[in-house]
Amino acid sequence: MARQVCRLALDSWQVDGESAESVLLVLSELVTNAVQHARPPLSVQLHLHEDQADRYVWIGITDGGPVPPVQGHKGRCPDDEHGRGLIIVDALAVAHGTQPHAGGATHWACLDAETDVGERRAHRS
């Protein structure tokens, strides 16, 4: 459901191509982490930032704080499918982080909203 709502927002903001796919992937990873590792409630925030030089999509996933670890509990995914989410977020986002607050935390990422992300990354390097 989060991907569908995000896709509608991206379409209305005319973010498409590789940028849209990157935003959707990062959104999915952050939501998955919240579902697997945090308490409810869960909310998703999306914002488009535009100025003369840049265009970014900001994603925020707010949760109710971490779930205490259960001894002997293995994740729901096999080991070869687990633990890559934040590596993906780090590779695709311009910036990302966590903002703790009373009752939980917001995990956020900021991504380029340009059509040609590869070209934008080359300029940042």
PDB file of N, CA and C in Angstrom:
ATOM      1  N   MET A   1       0.821  -1.175   0.000  1.00  0.00           N
ATOM      2  CA  MET A   1       0.000   0.000   0.000  1.00  0.00           C
ATOM      3  C   MET A   1       0.881   1.260   0.000  1.00  0.00           C
ATOM      4  N   ALA A   2       1.975   1.250   0.757  1.00  0.00           N
ATOM      5  CA  ALA A   2       2.865   2.415   0.802  1.00  0.00           C
ATOM      6  C   ALA A   2       3.443   2.701  -0.585  1.00  0.00           C
ATOM      7  N   ARG A   3       3.817   1.650  -1.306  1.00  0.00           N
ATOM      8  CA  ARG A   3       4.362   1.843  -2.660  1.00  0.00           C
ATOM      9  C   ARG A   3       3.307   2.447  -3.589  1.00  0.00           C
ATOM     10  N   GLN A   4       2.071   2.010  -3.484  1.00  0.00           N
ATOM     11  CA  GLN A   4       1.010   2.549  -4.348  1.00  0.00           C
ATOM     12  C   GLN A   4       0.780   4.034  -4.097  1.00  0.00           C
ATOM     13  N   VAL A   5       0.709   4.409  -2.839  1.00  0.00           N
ATOM     14  CA  VAL A   5       0.502   5.813  -2.493  1.00  0.00           C
ATOM     15  C   VAL A   5       1.706   6.643  -2.936  1.00  0.00           C
ATOM     16  N   CYS A   6       2.897   6.108  -2.716  1.00  0.00           N
ATOM     17  CA  CYS A   6       4.110   6.810  -3.136  1.00  0.00           C
ATOM     18  C   CYS A   6       4.144   6.979  -4.656  1.00  0.00           C
ATOM     19  N   ARG A   7       3.770   5.950  -5.387  1.00  0.00           N
ATOM     20  CA  ARG A   7       3.753   6.030  -6.853  1.00  0.00           C
ATOM     21  C   ARG A   7       2.809   7.145  -7.318  1.00  0.00           C
ATOM     22  N   LEU A   8       1.640   7.259  -6.690  1.00  0.00           N
ATOM     23  CA  LEU A   8       0.704   8.339  -7.040  1.00  0.00           C
ATOM     24  C   LEU A   8       1.323   9.708  -6.795  1.00  0.00           C
ATOM     25  N   ALA A   9       1.998   9.860  -5.659  1.00  0.00           N
ATOM     26  CA  ALA A   9       2.654  11.141  -5.358  1.00  0.00           C
ATOM     27  C   ALA A   9       3.749  11.426  -6.376  1.00  0.00           C
ATOM     28  N   LEU A  10       4.576  10.434  -6.685  1.00  0.00           N
ATOM     29  CA  LEU A  10       5.665  10.635  -7.648  1.00  0.00           C
ATOM     30  C   LEU A  10       5.119  11.007  -9.020  1.00  0.00           C
ATOM     31  N   ASP A  11       4.044  10.348  -9.422  1.00  0.00           N
ATOM     32  CA  ASP A  11       3.424  10.687 -10.710  1.00  0.00           C
ATOM     33  C   ASP A  11       2.925  12.135 -10.711  1.00  0.00           C
ATOM     34  N   SER A  12       2.286  12.557  -9.623  1.00  0.00           N
ATOM     35  CA  SER A  12       1.772  13.930  -9.574  1.00  0.00           C
ATOM     36  C   SER A  12       2.907  14.949  -9.549  1.00  0.00           C
ATOM     37  N   TRP A  13       4.068  14.569  -9.001  1.00  0.00           N
ATOM     38  CA  TRP A  13       5.233  15.457  -8.958  1.00  0.00           C
ATOM     39  C   TRP A  13       6.095  15.333 -10.219  1.00  0.00           C
ATOM     40  N   GLN A  14       5.692  14.454 -11.139  1.00  0.00           N
ATOM     41  CA  GLN A  14       6.415  14.187 -12.380  1.00  0.00           C
ATOM     42  C   GLN A  14       7.837  13.694 -12.110  1.00  0.00           C
ATOM     43  N   VAL A  15       7.946  12.805 -11.129  1.00  0.00           N
ATOM     44  CA  VAL A  15       9.207  12.109 -10.856  1.00  0.00           C
ATOM     45  C   VAL A  15       9.057  10.735 -11.479  1.00  0.00           C
ATOM     46  N   ASP A  16       9.916  10.436 -12.440  1.00  0.00           N
ATOM     47  CA  ASP A  16       9.776   9.153 -13.116  1.00  0.00           C
ATOM     48  C   ASP A  16      11.137   8.522 -13.341  1.00  0.00           C
ATOM     49  N   GLY A  17      11.153   7.463 -14.111  1.00  0.00           N
ATOM     50  CA  GLY A  17      12.392   6.795 -14.471  1.00  0.00           C
ATOM     51  C   GLY A  17      13.134   6.223 -13.285  1.00  0.00           C
ATOM     52  N   GLU A  18      14.452   6.306 -13.375  1.00  0.00           N
ATOM     53  CA  GLU A  18      15.326   5.744 -12.354  1.00  0.00           C
ATOM     54  C   GLU A  18      15.113   6.408 -10.992  1.00  0.00           C
ATOM     55  N   SER A  19      14.826   7.699 -10.993  1.00  0.00           N
ATOM     56  CA  SER A  19      14.577   8.396  -9.721  1.00  0.00           C
ATOM     57  C   SER A  19      13.373   7.812  -8.997  1.00  0.00           C
ATOM     58  N   ALA A  20      12.289   7.605  -9.716  1.00  0.00           N
ATOM     59  CA  ALA A  20      11.084   7.045  -9.105  1.00  0.00           C
ATOM     60  C   ALA A  20      11.338   5.636  -8.584  1.00  0.00           C
ATOM     61  N   GLU A  21      12.035   4.832  -9.359  1.00  0.00           N
ATOM     62  CA  GLU A  21      12.326   3.457  -8.922  1.00  0.00           C
ATOM     63  C   GLU A  21      13.190   3.460  -7.660  1.00  0.00           C
ATOM     64  N   SER A  22      14.158   4.376  -7.594  1.00  0.00           N
ATOM     65  CA  SER A  22      15.001   4.472  -6.401  1.00  0.00           C
ATOM     66  C   SER A  22      14.184   4.885  -5.185  1.00  0.00           C
ATOM     67  N   VAL A  23      13.310   5.857  -5.346  1.00  0.00           N
ATOM     68  CA  VAL A  23      12.451   6.297  -4.240  1.00  0.00           C
ATOM     69  C   VAL A  23      11.578   5.138  -3.762  1.00  0.00           C
ATOM     70  N   LEU A  24      10.975   4.412  -4.681  1.00  0.00           N
ATOM     71  CA  LEU A  24      10.102   3.293  -4.307  1.00  0.00           C
ATOM     72  C   LEU A  24      10.878   2.196  -3.587  1.00  0.00           C
ATOM     73  N   LEU A  25      12.098   1.919  -4.027  1.00  0.00           N
ATOM     74  CA  LEU A  25      12.911   0.887  -3.381  1.00  0.00           C
ATOM     75  C   LEU A  25      13.297   1.315  -1.962  1.00  0.00           C
ATOM     76  N   VAL A  26      13.735   2.563  -1.799  1.00  0.00           N
ATOM     77  CA  VAL A  26      14.106   3.045  -0.464  1.00  0.00           C
ATOM     78  C   VAL A  26      12.891   3.058   0.454  1.00  0.00           C
ATOM     79  N   LEU A  27      11.757   3.510  -0.044  1.00  0.00           N
ATOM     80  CA  LEU A  27      10.522   3.470   0.741  1.00  0.00           C
ATOM     81  C   LEU A  27      10.237   2.047   1.209  1.00  0.00           C
ATOM     82  N   SER A  28      10.322   1.096   0.297  1.00  0.00           N
ATOM     83  CA  SER A  28      10.052  -0.312   0.648  1.00  0.00           C
ATOM     84  C   SER A  28      11.004  -0.811   1.723  1.00  0.00           C
ATOM     85  N   GLU A  29      12.273  -0.474   1.604  1.00  0.00           N
ATOM     86  CA  GLU A  29      13.251  -0.928   2.599  1.00  0.00           C
ATOM     87  C   GLU A  29      12.977  -0.321   3.968  1.00  0.00           C
ATOM     88  N   LEU A  30      12.673   0.973   4.016  1.00  0.00           N
ATOM     89  CA  LEU A  30      12.405   1.615   5.302  1.00  0.00           C
ATOM     90  C   LEU A  30      11.116   1.098   5.938  1.00  0.00           C
ATOM     91  N   VAL A  31      10.087   0.888   5.135  1.00  0.00           N
ATOM     92  CA  VAL A  31       8.830   0.337   5.670  1.00  0.00           C
ATOM     93  C   VAL A  31       9.053  -1.085   6.162  1.00  0.00           C
ATOM     94  N   THR A  32       9.770  -1.887   5.397  1.00  0.00           N
ATOM     95  CA  THR A  32      10.044  -3.275   5.804  1.00  0.00           C
ATOM     96  C   THR A  32      10.793  -3.307   7.129  1.00  0.00           C
ATOM     97  N   ASN A  33      11.806  -2.450   7.278  1.00  0.00           N
ATOM     98  CA  ASN A  33      12.541  -2.394   8.550  1.00  0.00           C
ATOM     99  C   ASN A  33      11.618  -2.039   9.699  1.00  0.00           C
ATOM    100  N   ALA A  34      10.721  -1.085   9.483  1.00  0.00           N
ATOM    101  CA  ALA A  34       9.794  -0.680  10.543  1.00  0.00           C
ATOM    102  C   ALA A  34       8.844  -1.812  10.909  1.00  0.00           C
ATOM    103  N   VAL A  35       8.329  -2.501   9.905  1.00  0.00           N
ATOM    104  CA  VAL A  35       7.394  -3.609  10.157  1.00  0.00           C
ATOM    105  C   VAL A  35       8.097  -4.733  10.914  1.00  0.00           C
ATOM    106  N   GLN A  36       9.343  -5.028  10.555  1.00  0.00           N
ATOM    107  CA  GLN A  36      10.054  -6.144  11.172  1.00  0.00           C
ATOM    108  C   GLN A  36      10.672  -5.819  12.527  1.00  0.00           C
ATOM    109  N   HIS A  37      11.054  -4.559  12.733  1.00  0.00           N
ATOM    110  CA  HIS A  37      11.861  -4.250  13.912  1.00  0.00           C
ATOM    111  C   HIS A  37      11.282  -3.203  14.854  1.00  0.00           C
ATOM    112  N   ALA A  38      10.087  -2.685  14.552  1.00  0.00           N
ATOM    113  CA  ALA A  38       9.556  -1.606  15.382  1.00  0.00           C
ATOM    114  C   ALA A  38       8.113  -1.878  15.788  1.00  0.00           C
ATOM    115  N   ARG A  39       7.689  -1.107  16.760  1.00  0.00           N
ATOM    116  CA  ARG A  39       6.312  -1.188  17.240  1.00  0.00           C
ATOM    117  C   ARG A  39       5.418  -0.263  16.413  1.00  0.00           C
ATOM    118  N   PRO A  40       4.132  -0.592  16.356  1.00  0.00           N
ATOM    119  CA  PRO A  40       3.190   0.345  15.748  1.00  0.00           C
ATOM    120  C   PRO A  40       3.017   1.550  16.665  1.00  0.00           C
ATOM    121  N   PRO A  41       2.428   2.620  16.204  1.00  0.00           N
ATOM    122  CA  PRO A  41       1.897   2.807  14.857  1.00  0.00           C
ATOM    123  C   PRO A  41       3.016   3.160  13.874  1.00  0.00           C
ATOM    124  N   LEU A  42       2.711   2.991  12.609  1.00  0.00           N
ATOM    125  CA  LEU A  42       3.641   3.279  11.526  1.00  0.00           C
ATOM    126  C   LEU A  42       2.995   4.317  10.624  1.00  0.00           C
ATOM    127  N   SER A  43       3.734   5.360  10.291  1.00  0.00           N
ATOM    128  CA  SER A  43       3.219   6.350   9.341  1.00  0.00           C
ATOM    129  C   SER A  43       4.296   6.664   8.306  1.00  0.00           C
ATOM    130  N   VAL A  44       3.843   7.043   7.132  1.00  0.00           N
ATOM    131  CA  VAL A  44       4.733   7.365   6.016  1.00  0.00           C
ATOM    132  C   VAL A  44       4.513   8.821   5.638  1.00  0.00           C
ATOM    133  N   GLN A  45       5.601   9.564   5.495  1.00  0.00           N
ATOM    134  CA  GLN A  45       5.533  10.946   5.038  1.00  0.00           C
ATOM    135  C   GLN A  45       6.383  11.079   3.777  1.00  0.00           C
ATOM    136  N   LEU A  46       5.868  11.803   2.802  1.00  0.00           N
ATOM    137  CA  LEU A  46       6.587  12.078   1.562  1.00  0.00           C
ATOM    138  C   LEU A  46       6.514  13.568   1.289  1.00  0.00           C
ATOM    139  N   HIS A  47       7.648  14.145   0.923  1.00  0.00           N
ATOM    140  CA  HIS A  47       7.680  15.570   0.593  1.00  0.00           C
ATOM    141  C   HIS A  47       8.560  15.768  -0.632  1.00  0.00           C
ATOM    142  N   LEU A  48       8.175  16.697  -1.486  1.00  0.00           N
ATOM    143  CA  LEU A  48       9.001  17.099  -2.616  1.00  0.00           C
ATOM    144  C   LEU A  48       9.622  18.443  -2.279  1.00  0.00           C
ATOM    145  N   HIS A  49      10.941  18.507  -2.361  1.00  0.00           N
ATOM    146  CA  HIS A  49      11.668  19.760  -2.150  1.00  0.00           C
ATOM    147  C   HIS A  49      12.192  20.218  -3.502  1.00  0.00           C
ATOM    148  N   GLU A  50      11.874  21.448  -3.854  1.00  0.00           N
ATOM    149  CA  GLU A  50      12.353  22.007  -5.116  1.00  0.00           C
ATOM    150  C   GLU A  50      12.902  23.403  -4.882  1.00  0.00           C
ATOM    151  N   ASP A  51      14.028  23.680  -5.481  1.00  0.00           N
ATOM    152  CA  ASP A  51      14.510  25.047  -5.576  1.00  0.00           C
ATOM    153  C   ASP A  51      15.170  25.180  -6.947  1.00  0.00           C
ATOM    154  N   GLN A  52      15.838  26.267  -7.195  1.00  0.00           N
ATOM    155  CA  GLN A  52      16.395  26.493  -8.532  1.00  0.00           C
ATOM    156  C   GLN A  52      17.484  25.497  -8.890  1.00  0.00           C
ATOM    157  N   ALA A  53      18.194  24.969  -7.893  1.00  0.00           N
ATOM    158  CA  ALA A  53      19.317  24.087  -8.166  1.00  0.00           C
ATOM    159  C   ALA A  53      19.004  22.602  -8.007  1.00  0.00           C
ATOM    160  N   ASP A  54      18.079  22.266  -7.137  1.00  0.00           N
ATOM    161  CA  ASP A  54      17.881  20.860  -6.773  1.00  0.00           C
ATOM    162  C   ASP A  54      16.419  20.495  -6.679  1.00  0.00           C
ATOM    163  N   ARG A  55      16.189  19.199  -6.785  1.00  0.00           N
ATOM    164  CA  ARG A  55      14.855  18.624  -6.633  1.00  0.00           C
ATOM    165  C   ARG A  55      15.027  17.295  -5.909  1.00  0.00           C
ATOM    166  N   TYR A  56      14.431  17.180  -4.706  1.00  0.00           N
ATOM    167  CA  TYR A  56      14.588  15.982  -3.886  1.00  0.00           C
ATOM    168  C   TYR A  56      13.239  15.484  -3.395  1.00  0.00           C
ATOM    169  N   VAL A  57      13.180  14.168  -3.156  1.00  0.00           N
ATOM    170  CA  VAL A  57      12.042  13.559  -2.463  1.00  0.00           C
ATOM    171  C   VAL A  57      12.547  13.160  -1.081  1.00  0.00           C
ATOM    172  N   TRP A  58      11.829  13.612  -0.060  1.00  0.00           N
ATOM    173  CA  TRP A  58      12.131  13.240   1.318  1.00  0.00           C
ATOM    174  C   TRP A  58      11.111  12.199   1.756  1.00  0.00           C
ATOM    175  N   ILE A  59      11.600  11.090   2.291  1.00  0.00           N
ATOM    176  CA  ILE A  59      10.770   9.997   2.793  1.00  0.00           C
ATOM    177  C   ILE A  59      10.986   9.902   4.294  1.00  0.00           C
ATOM    178  N   GLY A  60       9.919   9.841   5.065  1.00  0.00           N
ATOM    179  CA  GLY A  60      10.024   9.623   6.500  1.00  0.00           C
ATOM    180  C   GLY A  60       9.102   8.492   6.922  1.00  0.00           C
ATOM    181  N   ILE A  61       9.637   7.566   7.663  1.00  0.00           N
ATOM    182  CA  ILE A  61       8.844   6.458   8.209  1.00  0.00           C
ATOM    183  C   ILE A  61       8.909   6.591   9.728  1.00  0.00           C
ATOM    184  N   THR A  62       7.781   6.888  10.336  1.00  0.00           N
ATOM    185  CA  THR A  62       7.728   7.055  11.786  1.00  0.00           C
ATOM    186  C   THR A  62       7.107   5.810  12.394  1.00  0.00           C
ATOM    187  N   ASP A  63       7.777   5.305  13.440  1.00  0.00           N
ATOM    188  CA  ASP A  63       7.288   4.095  14.108  1.00  0.00           C
ATOM    189  C   ASP A  63       7.213   4.331  15.600  1.00  0.00           C
ATOM    190  N   GLY A  64       6.746   3.324  16.312  1.00  0.00           N
ATOM    191  CA  GLY A  64       6.562   3.412  17.751  1.00  0.00           C
ATOM    192  C   GLY A  64       7.761   2.995  18.565  1.00  0.00           C
ATOM    193  N   GLY A  65       8.918   2.902  17.950  1.00  0.00           N
ATOM    194  CA  GLY A  65      10.133   2.521  18.670  1.00  0.00           C
ATOM    195  C   GLY A  65      10.477   1.064  18.466  1.00  0.00           C
ATOM    196  N   PRO A  66      11.693   0.697  18.826  1.00  0.00           N
ATOM    197  CA  PRO A  66      12.159  -0.671  18.558  1.00  0.00           C
ATOM    198  C   PRO A  66      11.441  -1.732  19.381  1.00  0.00           C
ATOM    199  N   VAL A  67      11.295  -2.891  18.767  1.00  0.00           N
ATOM    200  CA  VAL A  67      10.770  -4.064  19.451  1.00  0.00           C
ATOM    201  C   VAL A  67      11.939  -4.706  20.187  1.00  0.00           C
ATOM    202  N   PRO A  68      11.769  -5.070  21.449  1.00  0.00           N
ATOM    203  CA  PRO A  68      12.872  -5.729  22.155  1.00  0.00           C
ATOM    204  C   PRO A  68      13.252  -7.032  21.443  1.00  0.00           C
ATOM    205  N   PRO A  69      14.556  -7.318  21.338  1.00  0.00           N
ATOM    206  CA  PRO A  69      14.976  -8.558  20.677  1.00  0.00           C
ATOM    207  C   PRO A  69      14.497  -9.785  21.453  1.00  0.00           C
ATOM    208  N   VAL A  70      14.153 -10.816  20.721  1.00  0.00           N
ATOM    209  CA  VAL A  70      13.711 -12.076  21.312  1.00  0.00           C
ATOM    210  C   VAL A  70      14.870 -13.056  21.187  1.00  0.00           C
ATOM    211  N   GLN A  71      15.310 -13.625  22.314  1.00  0.00           N
ATOM    212  CA  GLN A  71      16.430 -14.563  22.279  1.00  0.00           C
ATOM    213  C   GLN A  71      16.075 -15.791  21.463  1.00  0.00           C
ATOM    214  N   GLY A  72      17.021 -16.199  20.629  1.00  0.00           N
ATOM    215  CA  GLY A  72      16.834 -17.398  19.826  1.00  0.00           C
ATOM    216  C   GLY A  72      15.942 -17.204  18.617  1.00  0.00           C
ATOM    217  N   HIS A  73      15.412 -16.003  18.433  1.00  0.00           N
ATOM    218  CA  HIS A  73      14.517 -15.742  17.302  1.00  0.00           C
ATOM    219  C   HIS A  73      15.319 -15.371  16.076  1.00  0.00           C
ATOM    220  N   LYS A  74      15.091 -16.096  14.989  1.00  0.00           N
ATOM    221  CA  LYS A  74      15.692 -15.734  13.714  1.00  0.00           C
ATOM    222  C   LYS A  74      14.684 -14.912  12.945  1.00  0.00           C
ATOM    223  N   GLY A  75      15.173 -14.002  12.112  1.00  0.00           N
ATOM    224  CA  GLY A  75      14.303 -13.166  11.294  1.00  0.00           C
ATOM    225  C   GLY A  75      13.413 -13.998  10.400  1.00  0.00           C
ATOM    226  N   ARG A  76      12.454 -13.336   9.778  1.00  0.00           N
ATOM    227  CA  ARG A  76      11.509 -14.019   8.901  1.00  0.00           C
ATOM    228  C   ARG A  76      12.113 -14.354   7.544  1.00  0.00           C
ATOM    229  N   CYS A  77      13.276 -13.795   7.234  1.00  0.00           N
ATOM    230  CA  CYS A  77      13.904 -14.024   5.930  1.00  0.00           C
ATOM    231  C   CYS A  77      15.123 -14.911   6.114  1.00  0.00           C
ATOM    232  N   PRO A  78      15.444 -15.727   5.095  1.00  0.00           N
ATOM    233  CA  PRO A  78      16.711 -16.466   5.147  1.00  0.00           C
ATOM    234  C   PRO A  78      17.875 -15.484   5.241  1.00  0.00           C
ATOM    235  N   ASP A  79      19.011 -15.950   5.800  1.00  0.00           N
ATOM    236  CA  ASP A  79      20.161 -15.066   6.005  1.00  0.00           C
ATOM    237  C   ASP A  79      20.613 -14.363   4.735  1.00  0.00           C
ATOM    238  N   ASP A  80      20.520 -15.020   3.572  1.00  0.00           N
ATOM    239  CA  ASP A  80      20.986 -14.394   2.333  1.00  0.00           C
ATOM    240  C   ASP A  80      20.025 -13.304   1.841  1.00  0.00           C
ATOM    241  N   GLU A  81      18.857 -13.167   2.455  1.00  0.00           N
ATOM    242  CA  GLU A  81      17.899 -12.128   2.078  1.00  0.00           C
ATOM    243  C   GLU A  81      17.713 -11.099   3.175  1.00  0.00           C
ATOM    244  N   HIS A  82      18.547 -11.130   4.198  1.00  0.00           N
ATOM    245  CA  HIS A  82      18.345 -10.295   5.363  1.00  0.00           C
ATOM    246  C   HIS A  82      19.550  -9.377   5.564  1.00  0.00           C
ATOM    247  N   GLY A  83      19.290  -8.143   6.004  1.00  0.00           N
ATOM    248  CA  GLY A  83      20.375  -7.268   6.388  1.00  0.00           C
ATOM    249  C   GLY A  83      20.918  -6.356   5.306  1.00  0.00           C
ATOM    250  N   ARG A  84      20.273  -6.286   4.162  1.00  0.00           N
ATOM    251  CA  ARG A  84      20.762  -5.430   3.084  1.00  0.00           C
ATOM    252  C   ARG A  84      20.019  -4.112   2.966  1.00  0.00           C
ATOM    253  N   GLY A  85      18.943  -3.938   3.705  1.00  0.00           N
ATOM    254  CA  GLY A  85      18.082  -2.769   3.547  1.00  0.00           C
ATOM    255  C   GLY A  85      18.802  -1.450   3.685  1.00  0.00           C
ATOM    256  N   LEU A  86      19.572  -1.279   4.761  1.00  0.00           N
ATOM    257  CA  LEU A  86      20.237   0.001   4.961  1.00  0.00           C
ATOM    258  C   LEU A  86      21.419   0.186   4.013  1.00  0.00           C
ATOM    259  N   ILE A  87      21.988  -0.904   3.521  1.00  0.00           N
ATOM    260  CA  ILE A  87      23.032  -0.794   2.493  1.00  0.00           C
ATOM    261  C   ILE A  87      22.421  -0.228   1.211  1.00  0.00           C
ATOM    262  N   ILE A  88      21.230  -0.694   0.870  1.00  0.00           N
ATOM    263  CA  ILE A  88      20.517  -0.188  -0.312  1.00  0.00           C
ATOM    264  C   ILE A  88      20.165   1.275  -0.112  1.00  0.00           C
ATOM    265  N   VAL A  89      19.637   1.619   1.055  1.00  0.00           N
ATOM    266  CA  VAL A  89      19.278   3.011   1.348  1.00  0.00           C
ATOM    267  C   VAL A  89      20.522   3.898   1.229  1.00  0.00           C
ATOM    268  N   ASP A  90      21.633   3.463   1.803  1.00  0.00           N
ATOM    269  CA  ASP A  90      22.865   4.243   1.759  1.00  0.00           C
ATOM    270  C   ASP A  90      23.355   4.444   0.318  1.00  0.00           C
ATOM    271  N   ALA A  91      23.194   3.428  -0.509  1.00  0.00           N
ATOM    272  CA  ALA A  91      23.653   3.520  -1.899  1.00  0.00           C
ATOM    273  C   ALA A  91      22.797   4.460  -2.742  1.00  0.00           C
ATOM    274  N   LEU A  92      21.510   4.565  -2.446  1.00  0.00           N
ATOM    275  CA  LEU A  92      20.598   5.335  -3.290  1.00  0.00           C
ATOM    276  C   LEU A  92      20.284   6.736  -2.775  1.00  0.00           C
ATOM    277  N   ALA A  93      20.386   6.941  -1.476  1.00  0.00           N
ATOM    278  CA  ALA A  93      19.980   8.223  -0.889  1.00  0.00           C
ATOM    279  C   ALA A  93      21.126   9.229  -0.911  1.00  0.00           C
ATOM    280  N   VAL A  94      20.758  10.489  -1.057  1.00  0.00           N
ATOM    281  CA  VAL A  94      21.712  11.586  -0.920  1.00  0.00           C
ATOM    282  C   VAL A  94      22.105  11.711   0.547  1.00  0.00           C
ATOM    283  N   ALA A  95      21.129  11.508   1.432  1.00  0.00           N
ATOM    284  CA  ALA A  95      21.340  11.535   2.876  1.00  0.00           C
ATOM    285  C   ALA A  95      20.251  10.683   3.516  1.00  0.00           C
ATOM    286  N   HIS A  96      20.543  10.145   4.695  1.00  0.00           N
ATOM    287  CA  HIS A  96      19.525   9.399   5.445  1.00  0.00           C
ATOM    288  C   HIS A  96      19.932   9.369   6.910  1.00  0.00           C
ATOM    289  N   GLY A  97      18.954   9.080   7.761  1.00  0.00           N
ATOM    290  CA  GLY A  97      19.254   9.028   9.178  1.00  0.00           C
ATOM    291  C   GLY A  97      18.035   8.671   9.994  1.00  0.00           C
ATOM    292  N   THR A  98      18.180   8.815  11.300  1.00  0.00           N
ATOM    293  CA  THR A  98      17.113   8.500  12.244  1.00  0.00           C
ATOM    294  C   THR A  98      16.979   9.655  13.217  1.00  0.00           C
ATOM    295  N   GLN A  99      15.753  10.064  13.456  1.00  0.00           N
ATOM    296  CA  GLN A  99      15.456  11.120  14.425  1.00  0.00           C
ATOM    297  C   GLN A  99      14.605  10.514  15.532  1.00  0.00           C
ATOM    298  N   PRO A 100      15.224  10.174  16.685  1.00  0.00           N
ATOM    299  CA  PRO A 100      14.419   9.649  17.792  1.00  0.00           C
ATOM    300  C   PRO A 100      13.554  10.754  18.395  1.00  0.00           C
ATOM    301  N   HIS A 101      12.412  10.365  18.916  1.00  0.00           N
ATOM    302  CA  HIS A 101      11.524  11.307  19.585  1.00  0.00           C
ATOM    303  C   HIS A 101      10.683  10.539  20.585  1.00  0.00           C
ATOM    304  N   ALA A 102       9.968  11.254  21.427  1.00  0.00           N
ATOM    305  CA  ALA A 102       9.126  10.605  22.432  1.00  0.00           C
ATOM    306  C   ALA A 102       8.146   9.670  21.732  1.00  0.00           C
ATOM    307  N   GLY A 103       8.148   8.420  22.132  1.00  0.00           N
ATOM    308  CA  GLY A 103       7.202   7.461  21.570  1.00  0.00           C
ATOM    309  C   GLY A 103       7.659   6.771  20.310  1.00  0.00           C
ATOM    310  N   GLY A 104       8.911   6.974  19.872  1.00  0.00           N
ATOM    311  CA  GLY A 104       9.361   6.275  18.673  1.00  0.00           C
ATOM    312  C   GLY A 104      10.505   6.968  17.973  1.00  0.00           C
ATOM    313  N   ALA A 105      10.526   6.808  16.651  1.00  0.00           N
ATOM    314  CA  ALA A 105      11.588   7.390  15.841  1.00  0.00           C
ATOM    315  C   ALA A 105      11.094   7.574  14.416  1.00  0.00           C
ATOM    316  N   THR A 106      11.710   8.511  13.722  1.00  0.00           N
ATOM    317  CA  THR A 106      11.464   8.692  12.296  1.00  0.00           C
ATOM    318  C   THR A 106      12.744   8.353  11.563  1.00  0.00           C
ATOM    319  N   HIS A 107      12.656   7.397  10.680  1.00  0.00           N
ATOM    320  CA  HIS A 107      13.772   6.985   9.830  1.00  0.00           C
ATOM    321  C   HIS A 107      13.523   7.653   8.479  1.00  0.00           C
ATOM    322  N   TRP A 108      14.499   8.415   7.999  1.00  0.00           N
ATOM    323  CA  TRP A 108      14.265   9.233   6.822  1.00  0.00           C
ATOM    324  C   TRP A 108      15.367   9.043   5.789  1.00  0.00           C
ATOM    325  N   ALA A 109      15.017   9.400   4.565  1.00  0.00           N
ATOM    326  CA  ALA A 109      15.985   9.399   3.469  1.00  0.00           C
ATOM    327  C   ALA A 109      15.598  10.501   2.498  1.00  0.00           C
ATOM    328  N   CYS A 110      16.590  11.076   1.871  1.00  0.00           N
ATOM    329  CA  CYS A 110      16.399  12.131   0.882  1.00  0.00           C
ATOM    330  C   CYS A 110      17.038  11.650  -0.421  1.00  0.00           C
ATOM    331  N   LEU A 111      16.257  11.668  -1.510  1.00  0.00           N
ATOM    332  CA  LEU A 111      16.737  11.157  -2.798  1.00  0.00           C
ATOM    333  C   LEU A 111      16.559  12.196  -3.882  1.00  0.00           C
ATOM    334  N   ASP A 112      17.460  12.169  -4.853  1.00  0.00           N
ATOM    335  CA  ASP A 112      17.327  13.025  -6.022  1.00  0.00           C
ATOM    336  C   ASP A 112      16.009  12.736  -6.727  1.00  0.00           C
ATOM    337  N   ALA A 113      15.366  13.774  -7.213  1.00  0.00           N
ATOM    338  CA  ALA A 113      14.114  13.620  -7.958  1.00  0.00           C
ATOM    339  C   ALA A 113      14.330  13.989  -9.424  1.00  0.00           C
ATOM    340  N   GLU A 114      15.547  13.817  -9.890  1.00  0.00           N
ATOM    341  CA  GLU A 114      15.858  14.078 -11.291  1.00  0.00           C
ATOM    342  C   GLU A 114      15.660  12.791 -12.081  1.00  0.00           C
ATOM    343  N   THR A 115      15.394  12.920 -13.361  1.00  0.00           N
ATOM    344  CA  THR A 115      15.190  11.744 -14.195  1.00  0.00           C
ATOM    345  C   THR A 115      16.472  10.941 -14.352  1.00  0.00           C
ATOM    346  N   ASP A 116      17.608  11.605 -14.522  1.00  0.00           N
ATOM    347  CA  ASP A 116      18.867  10.899 -14.743  1.00  0.00           C
ATOM    348  C   ASP A 116      19.706  10.923 -13.470  1.00  0.00           C
ATOM    349  N   VAL A 117      19.438   9.961 -12.568  1.00  0.00           N
ATOM    350  CA  VAL A 117      20.119   9.903 -11.281  1.00  0.00           C
ATOM    351  C   VAL A 117      21.601   9.630 -11.466  1.00  0.00           C
ATOM    352  N   GLY A 118      21.970   8.782 -12.415  1.00  0.00           N
ATOM    353  CA  GLY A 118      23.375   8.448 -12.635  1.00  0.00           C
ATOM    354  C   GLY A 118      24.201   9.674 -12.945  1.00  0.00           C
ATOM    355  N   GLU A 119      23.664  10.572 -13.751  1.00  0.00           N
ATOM    356  CA  GLU A 119      24.370  11.801 -14.094  1.00  0.00           C
ATOM    357  C   GLU A 119      24.516  12.687 -12.859  1.00  0.00           C
ATOM    358  N   ARG A 120      23.474  12.776 -12.017  1.00  0.00           N
ATOM    359  CA  ARG A 120      23.534  13.582 -10.809  1.00  0.00           C
ATOM    360  C   ARG A 120      24.585  13.035  -9.845  1.00  0.00           C
ATOM    361  N   ARG A 121      24.676  11.693  -9.717  1.00  0.00           N
ATOM    362  CA  ARG A 121      25.668  11.094  -8.833  1.00  0.00           C
ATOM    363  C   ARG A 121      27.069  11.420  -9.312  1.00  0.00           C
ATOM    364  N   ALA A 122      27.287  11.415 -10.623  1.00  0.00           N
ATOM    365  CA  ALA A 122      28.606  11.721 -11.174  1.00  0.00           C
ATOM    366  C   ALA A 122      29.013  13.141 -10.813  1.00  0.00           C
ATOM    367  N   HIS A 123      28.079  14.071 -10.775  1.00  0.00           N
ATOM    368  CA  HIS A 123      28.378  15.456 -10.424  1.00  0.00           C
ATOM    369  C   HIS A 123      28.710  15.600  -8.948  1.00  0.00           C
ATOM    370  N   ARG A 124      28.128  14.737  -8.078  1.00  0.00           N
ATOM    371  CA  ARG A 124      28.392  14.805  -6.644  1.00  0.00           C
ATOM    372  C   ARG A 124      29.747  14.244  -6.299  1.00  0.00           C
ATOM    373  N   SER A 125      30.271  13.313  -7.092  1.00  0.00           N
ATOM    374  CA  SER A 125      31.527  12.620  -6.774  1.00  0.00           C
ATOM    375  C   SER A 125      32.733  13.510  -6.917  1.00  0.00           C
TER     376      SER A 125
END
